Amino acid sequence: AIDDDTYVFVEVKYRQSGTAGTSLEAVTPSKQKK
C-alpha cells in the first residue's frame, strides 16, 4: 500500500487458536528477512 509518500509492506498472519503460538509470534526475524 501507499500511505502518503511511504510504501507500506504488510504481512498478515492468522491463527485460529493459540496452540501454535500467536499470529504475531509467527513473524520471526527469519520471516522479516524474507
PDB file of all heavy atoms in Angstrom:
ATOM      1  N   ALA A   1       0.851  -1.196   0.000  1.00  0.00           N
ATOM      2  CA  ALA A   1       0.000   0.000   0.000  1.00  0.00           C
ATOM      3  C   ALA A   1       0.883   1.241   0.000  1.00  0.00           C
ATOM      4  O   ALA A   1       2.085   1.159   0.234  1.00  0.00           O
ATOM      5  CB  ALA A   1      -0.903  -0.005   1.226  1.00  0.00           C
ATOM      6  N   ILE A   2       0.273   2.372  -0.276  1.00  0.00           N
ATOM      7  CA  ILE A   2       0.974   3.643  -0.182  1.00  0.00           C
ATOM      8  C   ILE A   2       0.228   4.501   0.826  1.00  0.00           C
ATOM      9  O   ILE A   2      -0.982   4.683   0.731  1.00  0.00           O
ATOM     10  CB  ILE A   2       1.055   4.345  -1.552  1.00  0.00           C
ATOM     11  CG1 ILE A   2       1.866   3.492  -2.528  1.00  0.00           C
ATOM     12  CG2 ILE A   2       1.676   5.733  -1.397  1.00  0.00           C
ATOM     13  CD1 ILE A   2       1.941   4.046  -3.927  1.00  0.00           C
ATOM     14  N   ASP A   3       0.970   4.985   1.827  1.00  0.00           N
ATOM     15  CA  ASP A   3       0.436   5.857   2.866  1.00  0.00           C
ATOM     16  C   ASP A   3       1.179   7.184   2.746  1.00  0.00           C
ATOM     17  O   ASP A   3       2.348   7.279   3.118  1.00  0.00           O
ATOM     18  CB  ASP A   3       0.652   5.222   4.239  1.00  0.00           C
ATOM     19  CG  ASP A   3       0.054   6.026   5.374  1.00  0.00           C
ATOM     20  OD1 ASP A   3      -0.758   6.928   5.117  1.00  0.00           O
ATOM     21  OD2 ASP A   3       0.410   5.739   6.548  1.00  0.00           O
ATOM     22  N   ASP A   4       0.513   8.187   2.179  1.00  0.00           N
ATOM     23  CA  ASP A   4       1.155   9.459   1.838  1.00  0.00           C
ATOM     24  C   ASP A   4       2.321   9.182   0.890  1.00  0.00           C
ATOM     25  O   ASP A   4       2.111   8.718  -0.202  1.00  0.00           O
ATOM     26  CB  ASP A   4       1.575  10.238   3.084  1.00  0.00           C
ATOM     27  CG  ASP A   4       0.382  10.734   3.895  1.00  0.00           C
ATOM     28  OD1 ASP A   4      -0.642  11.095   3.283  1.00  0.00           O
ATOM     29  OD2 ASP A   4       0.485  10.770   5.131  1.00  0.00           O
ATOM     30  N   ASP A   5       3.558   9.431   1.331  1.00  0.00           N
ATOM     31  CA  ASP A   5       4.721   9.207   0.464  1.00  0.00           C
ATOM     32  C   ASP A   5       5.501   7.953   0.866  1.00  0.00           C
ATOM     33  O   ASP A   5       6.670   7.813   0.537  1.00  0.00           O
ATOM     34  CB  ASP A   5       5.644  10.431   0.501  1.00  0.00           C
ATOM     35  CG  ASP A   5       6.266  10.657   1.877  1.00  0.00           C
ATOM     36  OD1 ASP A   5       5.759  10.098   2.868  1.00  0.00           O
ATOM     37  OD2 ASP A   5       7.266  11.391   1.960  1.00  0.00           O
ATOM     38  N   THR A   6       4.859   7.037   1.566  1.00  0.00           N
ATOM     39  CA  THR A   6       5.525   5.852   2.089  1.00  0.00           C
ATOM     40  C   THR A   6       4.929   4.577   1.489  1.00  0.00           C
ATOM     41  O   THR A   6       3.707   4.393   1.497  1.00  0.00           O
ATOM     42  CB  THR A   6       5.385   5.798   3.628  1.00  0.00           C
ATOM     43  OG1 THR A   6       5.942   6.999   4.177  1.00  0.00           O
ATOM     44  CG2 THR A   6       6.094   4.596   4.219  1.00  0.00           C
ATOM     45  N   TYR A   7       5.807   3.716   0.974  1.00  0.00           N
ATOM     46  CA  TYR A   7       5.378   2.387   0.545  1.00  0.00           C
ATOM     47  C   TYR A   7       5.294   1.515   1.792  1.00  0.00           C
ATOM     48  O   TYR A   7       6.234   1.448   2.575  1.00  0.00           O
ATOM     49  CB  TYR A   7       6.375   1.776  -0.442  1.00  0.00           C
ATOM     50  CG  TYR A   7       6.213   2.303  -1.846  1.00  0.00           C
ATOM     51  CD1 TYR A   7       6.708   3.542  -2.205  1.00  0.00           C
ATOM     52  CD2 TYR A   7       5.529   1.565  -2.802  1.00  0.00           C
ATOM     53  CE1 TYR A   7       6.556   4.040  -3.493  1.00  0.00           C
ATOM     54  CE2 TYR A   7       5.368   2.051  -4.098  1.00  0.00           C
ATOM     55  CZ  TYR A   7       5.886   3.287  -4.428  1.00  0.00           C
ATOM     56  OH  TYR A   7       5.722   3.773  -5.697  1.00  0.00           O
ATOM     57  N   VAL A   8       4.159   0.857   1.959  1.00  0.00           N
ATOM     58  CA  VAL A   8       3.927   0.032   3.147  1.00  0.00           C
ATOM     59  C   VAL A   8       3.802  -1.427   2.719  1.00  0.00           C
ATOM     60  O   VAL A   8       2.946  -1.776   1.901  1.00  0.00           O
ATOM     61  CB  VAL A   8       2.648   0.472   3.897  1.00  0.00           C
ATOM     62  CG1 VAL A   8       2.483  -0.339   5.176  1.00  0.00           C
ATOM     63  CG2 VAL A   8       2.685   1.961   4.203  1.00  0.00           C
ATOM     64  N   PHE A   9       4.667  -2.258   3.270  1.00  0.00           N
ATOM     65  CA  PHE A   9       4.650  -3.697   3.011  1.00  0.00           C
ATOM     66  C   PHE A   9       4.047  -4.358   4.251  1.00  0.00           C
ATOM     67  O   PHE A   9       4.569  -4.201   5.353  1.00  0.00           O
ATOM     68  CB  PHE A   9       6.061  -4.203   2.731  1.00  0.00           C
ATOM     69  CG  PHE A   9       6.678  -3.546   1.526  1.00  0.00           C
ATOM     70  CD1 PHE A   9       7.469  -2.417   1.658  1.00  0.00           C
ATOM     71  CD2 PHE A   9       6.423  -4.030   0.257  1.00  0.00           C
ATOM     72  CE1 PHE A   9       8.023  -1.793   0.555  1.00  0.00           C
ATOM     73  CE2 PHE A   9       6.964  -3.417  -0.871  1.00  0.00           C
ATOM     74  CZ  PHE A   9       7.763  -2.294  -0.723  1.00  0.00           C
ATOM     75  N   VAL A  10       2.943  -5.046   4.045  1.00  0.00           N
ATOM     76  CA  VAL A  10       2.181  -5.577   5.177  1.00  0.00           C
ATOM     77  C   VAL A  10       2.180  -7.098   5.157  1.00  0.00           C
ATOM     78  O   VAL A  10       1.823  -7.723   4.148  1.00  0.00           O
ATOM     79  CB  VAL A  10       0.718  -5.060   5.151  1.00  0.00           C
ATOM     80  CG1 VAL A  10      -0.035  -5.533   6.388  1.00  0.00           C
ATOM     81  CG2 VAL A  10       0.676  -3.541   5.033  1.00  0.00           C
ATOM     82  N   GLU A  11       2.562  -7.672   6.273  1.00  0.00           N
ATOM     83  CA  GLU A  11       2.480  -9.112   6.478  1.00  0.00           C
ATOM     84  C   GLU A  11       1.225  -9.383   7.305  1.00  0.00           C
ATOM     85  O   GLU A  11       1.006  -8.761   8.347  1.00  0.00           O
ATOM     86  CB  GLU A  11       3.718  -9.629   7.221  1.00  0.00           C
ATOM     87  CG  GLU A  11       3.684 -11.092   7.552  1.00  0.00           C
ATOM     88  CD  GLU A  11       3.774 -12.018   6.356  1.00  0.00           C
ATOM     89  OE1 GLU A  11       3.978 -11.550   5.220  1.00  0.00           O
ATOM     90  OE2 GLU A  11       3.621 -13.242   6.560  1.00  0.00           O
ATOM     91  N   VAL A  12       0.401 -10.304   6.845  1.00  0.00           N
ATOM     92  CA  VAL A  12      -0.831 -10.671   7.551  1.00  0.00           C
ATOM     93  C   VAL A  12      -0.694 -12.121   8.011  1.00  0.00           C
ATOM     94  O   VAL A  12      -0.400 -13.007   7.215  1.00  0.00           O
ATOM     95  CB  VAL A  12      -2.072 -10.519   6.641  1.00  0.00           C
ATOM     96  CG1 VAL A  12      -3.339 -10.912   7.395  1.00  0.00           C
ATOM     97  CG2 VAL A  12      -2.174  -9.094   6.105  1.00  0.00           C
ATOM     98  N   LYS A  13      -0.876 -12.329   9.298  1.00  0.00           N
ATOM     99  CA  LYS A  13      -0.810 -13.675   9.870  1.00  0.00           C
ATOM    100  C   LYS A  13      -2.104 -13.970  10.613  1.00  0.00           C
ATOM    101  O   LYS A  13      -2.639 -13.120  11.319  1.00  0.00           O
ATOM    102  CB  LYS A  13       0.360 -13.805  10.856  1.00  0.00           C
ATOM    103  CG  LYS A  13       1.694 -13.888  10.186  1.00  0.00           C
ATOM    104  CD  LYS A  13       1.815 -15.190   9.437  1.00  0.00           C
ATOM    105  CE  LYS A  13       3.192 -15.352   8.849  1.00  0.00           C
ATOM    106  NZ  LYS A  13       3.248 -16.480   7.941  1.00  0.00           N
ATOM    107  N   TYR A  14      -2.583 -15.215  10.454  1.00  0.00           N
ATOM    108  CA  TYR A  14      -3.829 -15.638  11.089  1.00  0.00           C
ATOM    109  C   TYR A  14      -3.586 -16.906  11.896  1.00  0.00           C
ATOM    110  O   TYR A  14      -2.891 -17.823  11.431  1.00  0.00           O
ATOM    111  CB  TYR A  14      -4.901 -15.899  10.032  1.00  0.00           C
ATOM    112  CG  TYR A  14      -6.151 -16.552  10.586  1.00  0.00           C
ATOM    113  CD1 TYR A  14      -7.083 -15.813  11.299  1.00  0.00           C
ATOM    114  CD2 TYR A  14      -6.387 -17.911  10.419  1.00  0.00           C
ATOM    115  CE1 TYR A  14      -8.216 -16.407  11.831  1.00  0.00           C
ATOM    116  CE2 TYR A  14      -7.520 -18.515  10.938  1.00  0.00           C
ATOM    117  CZ  TYR A  14      -8.428 -17.758  11.638  1.00  0.00           C
ATOM    118  OH  TYR A  14      -9.550 -18.350  12.153  1.00  0.00           O
ATOM    119  N   ARG A  15      -4.147 -16.953  13.066  1.00  0.00           N
ATOM    120  CA  ARG A  15      -4.152 -18.159  13.891  1.00  0.00           C
ATOM    121  C   ARG A  15      -5.560 -18.326  14.442  1.00  0.00           C
ATOM    122  O   ARG A  15      -6.113 -17.403  15.042  1.00  0.00           O
ATOM    123  CB  ARG A  15      -3.164 -18.055  15.057  1.00  0.00           C
ATOM    124  CG  ARG A  15      -1.707 -17.979  14.648  1.00  0.00           C
ATOM    125  CD  ARG A  15      -1.235 -19.325  14.098  1.00  0.00           C
ATOM    126  NE  ARG A  15       0.172 -19.304  13.766  1.00  0.00           N
ATOM    127  CZ  ARG A  15       0.674 -19.061  12.564  1.00  0.00           C
ATOM    128  NH1 ARG A  15      -0.137 -18.774  11.561  1.00  0.00           N
ATOM    129  NH2 ARG A  15       1.975 -19.084  12.347  1.00  0.00           N
ATOM    130  N   GLN A  16      -6.117 -19.493  14.211  1.00  0.00           N
ATOM    131  CA  GLN A  16      -7.468 -19.766  14.713  1.00  0.00           C
ATOM    132  C   GLN A  16      -7.447 -19.956  16.225  1.00  0.00           C
ATOM    133  O   GLN A  16      -8.345 -19.516  16.928  1.00  0.00           O
ATOM    134  CB  GLN A  16      -8.045 -21.008  14.033  1.00  0.00           C
ATOM    135  CG  GLN A  16      -9.486 -21.263  14.395  1.00  0.00           C
ATOM    136  CD  GLN A  16     -10.112 -22.348  13.539  1.00  0.00           C
ATOM    137  OE1 GLN A  16      -9.482 -22.887  12.645  1.00  0.00           O
ATOM    138  NE2 GLN A  16     -11.348 -22.670  13.811  1.00  0.00           N
ATOM    139  N   SER A  17      -6.377 -20.610  16.703  1.00  0.00           N
ATOM    140  CA  SER A  17      -6.232 -20.797  18.150  1.00  0.00           C
ATOM    141  C   SER A  17      -4.776 -20.540  18.512  1.00  0.00           C
ATOM    142  O   SER A  17      -3.919 -20.433  17.641  1.00  0.00           O
ATOM    143  CB  SER A  17      -6.632 -22.216  18.554  1.00  0.00           C
ATOM    144  OG  SER A  17      -5.689 -23.148  18.060  1.00  0.00           O
ATOM    145  N   GLY A  18      -4.479 -20.465  19.774  1.00  0.00           N
ATOM    146  CA  GLY A  18      -3.124 -20.176  20.226  1.00  0.00           C
ATOM    147  C   GLY A  18      -2.248 -21.395  20.410  1.00  0.00           C
ATOM    148  O   GLY A  18      -1.158 -21.287  20.965  1.00  0.00           O
ATOM    149  N   THR A  19      -2.679 -22.556  19.946  1.00  0.00           N
ATOM    150  CA  THR A  19      -1.902 -23.772  20.181  1.00  0.00           C
ATOM    151  C   THR A  19      -0.541 -23.745  19.497  1.00  0.00           C
ATOM    152  O   THR A  19       0.408 -24.357  19.971  1.00  0.00           O
ATOM    153  CB  THR A  19      -2.672 -25.030  19.723  1.00  0.00           C
ATOM    154  OG1 THR A  19      -2.999 -24.891  18.333  1.00  0.00           O
ATOM    155  CG2 THR A  19      -3.942 -25.230  20.526  1.00  0.00           C
ATOM    156  N   ALA A  20      -0.425 -23.028  18.395  1.00  0.00           N
ATOM    157  CA  ALA A  20       0.856 -22.916  17.685  1.00  0.00           C
ATOM    158  C   ALA A  20       1.498 -21.555  17.928  1.00  0.00           C
ATOM    159  O   ALA A  20       2.359 -21.123  17.175  1.00  0.00           O
ATOM    160  CB  ALA A  20       0.648 -23.141  16.190  1.00  0.00           C
ATOM    161  N   GLY A  21       1.096 -20.858  18.985  1.00  0.00           N
ATOM    162  CA  GLY A  21       1.590 -19.520  19.259  1.00  0.00           C
ATOM    163  C   GLY A  21       0.670 -18.489  18.632  1.00  0.00           C
ATOM    164  O   GLY A  21      -0.285 -18.819  17.937  1.00  0.00           O
ATOM    165  N   THR A  22       0.964 -17.230  18.893  1.00  0.00           N
ATOM    166  CA  THR A  22       0.117 -16.167  18.360  1.00  0.00           C
ATOM    167  C   THR A  22       0.534 -15.828  16.931  1.00  0.00           C
ATOM    168  O   THR A  22       1.625 -16.175  16.485  1.00  0.00           O
ATOM    169  CB  THR A  22       0.219 -14.885  19.212  1.00  0.00           C
ATOM    170  OG1 THR A  22       1.525 -14.322  19.050  1.00  0.00           O
ATOM    171  CG2 THR A  22      -0.067 -15.165  20.674  1.00  0.00           C
ATOM    172  N   SER A  23      -0.340 -15.126  16.258  1.00  0.00           N
ATOM    173  CA  SER A  23      -0.055 -14.724  14.878  1.00  0.00           C
ATOM    174  C   SER A  23       1.183 -13.831  14.819  1.00  0.00           C
ATOM    175  O   SER A  23       2.019 -13.972  13.921  1.00  0.00           O
ATOM    176  CB  SER A  23      -1.261 -13.999  14.287  1.00  0.00           C
ATOM    177  OG  SER A  23      -1.589 -12.870  15.073  1.00  0.00           O
ATOM    178  N   LEU A  24       1.319 -12.924  15.766  1.00  0.00           N
ATOM    179  CA  LEU A  24       2.458 -12.004  15.749  1.00  0.00           C
ATOM    180  C   LEU A  24       3.774 -12.720  16.018  1.00  0.00           C
ATOM    181  O   LEU A  24       4.817 -12.332  15.477  1.00  0.00           O
ATOM    182  CB  LEU A  24       2.237 -10.880  16.770  1.00  0.00           C
ATOM    183  CG  LEU A  24       1.010  -9.992  16.528  1.00  0.00           C
ATOM    184  CD1 LEU A  24       0.867  -8.963  17.639  1.00  0.00           C
ATOM    185  CD2 LEU A  24       1.083  -9.312  15.167  1.00  0.00           C
ATOM    186  N   GLU A  25       3.749 -13.776  16.816  1.00  0.00           N
ATOM    187  CA  GLU A  25       4.964 -14.555  17.080  1.00  0.00           C
ATOM    188  C   GLU A  25       5.474 -15.253  15.821  1.00  0.00           C
ATOM    189  O   GLU A  25       6.655 -15.594  15.737  1.00  0.00           O
ATOM    190  CB  GLU A  25       4.715 -15.598  18.174  1.00  0.00           C
ATOM    191  CG  GLU A  25       4.490 -15.008  19.541  1.00  0.00           C
ATOM    192  CD  GLU A  25       4.049 -16.040  20.571  1.00  0.00           C
ATOM    193  OE1 GLU A  25       3.495 -17.091  20.202  1.00  0.00           O
ATOM    194  OE2 GLU A  25       4.256 -15.770  21.770  1.00  0.00           O
ATOM    195  N   ALA A  26       4.611 -15.431  14.844  1.00  0.00           N
ATOM    196  CA  ALA A  26       4.991 -16.119  13.605  1.00  0.00           C
ATOM    197  C   ALA A  26       5.843 -15.244  12.690  1.00  0.00           C
ATOM    198  O   ALA A  26       6.446 -15.738  11.739  1.00  0.00           O
ATOM    199  CB  ALA A  26       3.744 -16.590  12.861  1.00  0.00           C
ATOM    200  N   VAL A  27       5.915 -13.952  12.960  1.00  0.00           N
ATOM    201  CA  VAL A  27       6.729 -13.049  12.144  1.00  0.00           C
ATOM    202  C   VAL A  27       8.111 -12.950  12.796  1.00  0.00           C
ATOM    203  O   VAL A  27       8.466 -11.967  13.428  1.00  0.00           O
ATOM    204  CB  VAL A  27       6.057 -11.673  11.965  1.00  0.00           C
ATOM    205  CG1 VAL A  27       6.841 -10.818  10.981  1.00  0.00           C
ATOM    206  CG2 VAL A  27       4.624 -11.830  11.473  1.00  0.00           C
ATOM    207  N   THR A  28       8.869 -14.004  12.622  1.00  0.00           N
ATOM    208  CA  THR A  28      10.190 -14.156  13.231  1.00  0.00           C
ATOM    209  C   THR A  28      11.230 -13.307  12.492  1.00  0.00           C
ATOM    210  O   THR A  28      10.961 -12.828  11.381  1.00  0.00           O
ATOM    211  CB  THR A  28      10.617 -15.627  13.159  1.00  0.00           C
ATOM    212  OG1 THR A  28      10.711 -15.996  11.768  1.00  0.00           O
ATOM    213  CG2 THR A  28       9.632 -16.544  13.874  1.00  0.00           C
ATOM    214  N   PRO A  29      12.410 -13.134  13.066  1.00  0.00           N
ATOM    215  CA  PRO A  29      13.471 -12.423  12.338  1.00  0.00           C
ATOM    216  C   PRO A  29      13.765 -13.048  10.971  1.00  0.00           C
ATOM    217  O   PRO A  29      14.019 -12.330  10.003  1.00  0.00           O
ATOM    218  CB  PRO A  29      14.673 -12.522  13.278  1.00  0.00           C
ATOM    219  CG  PRO A  29      14.053 -12.566  14.645  1.00  0.00           C
ATOM    220  CD  PRO A  29      12.802 -13.409  14.454  1.00  0.00           C
ATOM    221  N   SER A  30      13.698 -14.362  10.873  1.00  0.00           N
ATOM    222  CA  SER A  30      13.907 -15.028   9.592  1.00  0.00           C
ATOM    223  C   SER A  30      12.825 -14.626   8.578  1.00  0.00           C
ATOM    224  O   SER A  30      13.115 -14.343   7.410  1.00  0.00           O
ATOM    225  CB  SER A  30      13.903 -16.546   9.792  1.00  0.00           C
ATOM    226  OG  SER A  30      13.946 -17.205   8.558  1.00  0.00           O
ATOM    227  N   LYS A  31      11.577 -14.591   9.026  1.00  0.00           N
ATOM    228  CA  LYS A  31      10.468 -14.169   8.169  1.00  0.00           C
ATOM    229  C   LYS A  31      10.617 -12.701   7.786  1.00  0.00           C
ATOM    230  O   LYS A  31      10.359 -12.316   6.642  1.00  0.00           O
ATOM    231  CB  LYS A  31       9.133 -14.413   8.895  1.00  0.00           C
ATOM    232  CG  LYS A  31       7.905 -14.031   8.112  1.00  0.00           C
ATOM    233  CD  LYS A  31       7.711 -14.949   6.908  1.00  0.00           C
ATOM    234  CE  LYS A  31       6.383 -14.634   6.233  1.00  0.00           C
ATOM    235  NZ  LYS A  31       6.212 -15.365   4.989  1.00  0.00           N
ATOM    236  N   GLN A  32      11.054 -11.874   8.722  1.00  0.00           N
ATOM    237  CA  GLN A  32      11.265 -10.455   8.440  1.00  0.00           C
ATOM    238  C   GLN A  32      12.324 -10.268   7.358  1.00  0.00           C
ATOM    239  O   GLN A  32      12.185  -9.411   6.478  1.00  0.00           O
ATOM    240  CB  GLN A  32      11.678  -9.722   9.721  1.00  0.00           C
ATOM    241  CG  GLN A  32      10.594  -9.667  10.761  1.00  0.00           C
ATOM    242  CD  GLN A  32      11.071  -9.118  12.089  1.00  0.00           C
ATOM    243  OE1 GLN A  32      12.099  -8.451  12.171  1.00  0.00           O
ATOM    244  NE2 GLN A  32      10.328  -9.411  13.147  1.00  0.00           N
ATOM    245  N   LYS A  33      13.367 -11.083   7.398  1.00  0.00           N
ATOM    246  CA  LYS A  33      14.422 -11.005   6.383  1.00  0.00           C
ATOM    247  C   LYS A  33      13.875 -11.385   5.007  1.00  0.00           C
ATOM    248  O   LYS A  33      14.198 -10.750   4.007  1.00  0.00           O
ATOM    249  CB  LYS A  33      15.592 -11.907   6.781  1.00  0.00           C
ATOM    250  CG  LYS A  33      16.803 -11.748   5.910  1.00  0.00           C
ATOM    251  CD  LYS A  33      17.986 -12.509   6.451  1.00  0.00           C
ATOM    252  CE  LYS A  33      19.200 -12.268   5.568  1.00  0.00           C
ATOM    253  NZ  LYS A  33      20.391 -12.915   6.099  1.00  0.00           N
ATOM    254  N   LYS A  34      13.024 -12.395   4.953  1.00  0.00           N
ATOM    255  CA  LYS A  34      12.418 -12.803   3.678  1.00  0.00           C
ATOM    256  C   LYS A  34      11.484 -11.723   3.144  1.00  0.00           C
ATOM    257  O   LYS A  34      11.459 -11.444   1.935  1.00  0.00           O
ATOM    258  CB  LYS A  34      11.664 -14.123   3.854  1.00  0.00           C
ATOM    259  CG  LYS A  34      12.575 -15.305   4.063  1.00  0.00           C
ATOM    260  CD  LYS A  34      11.796 -16.577   4.289  1.00  0.00           C
ATOM    261  CE  LYS A  34      12.744 -17.733   4.579  1.00  0.00           C
ATOM    262  NZ  LYS A  34      12.024 -18.965   4.884  1.00  0.00           N
TER     263      LYS A  34
END
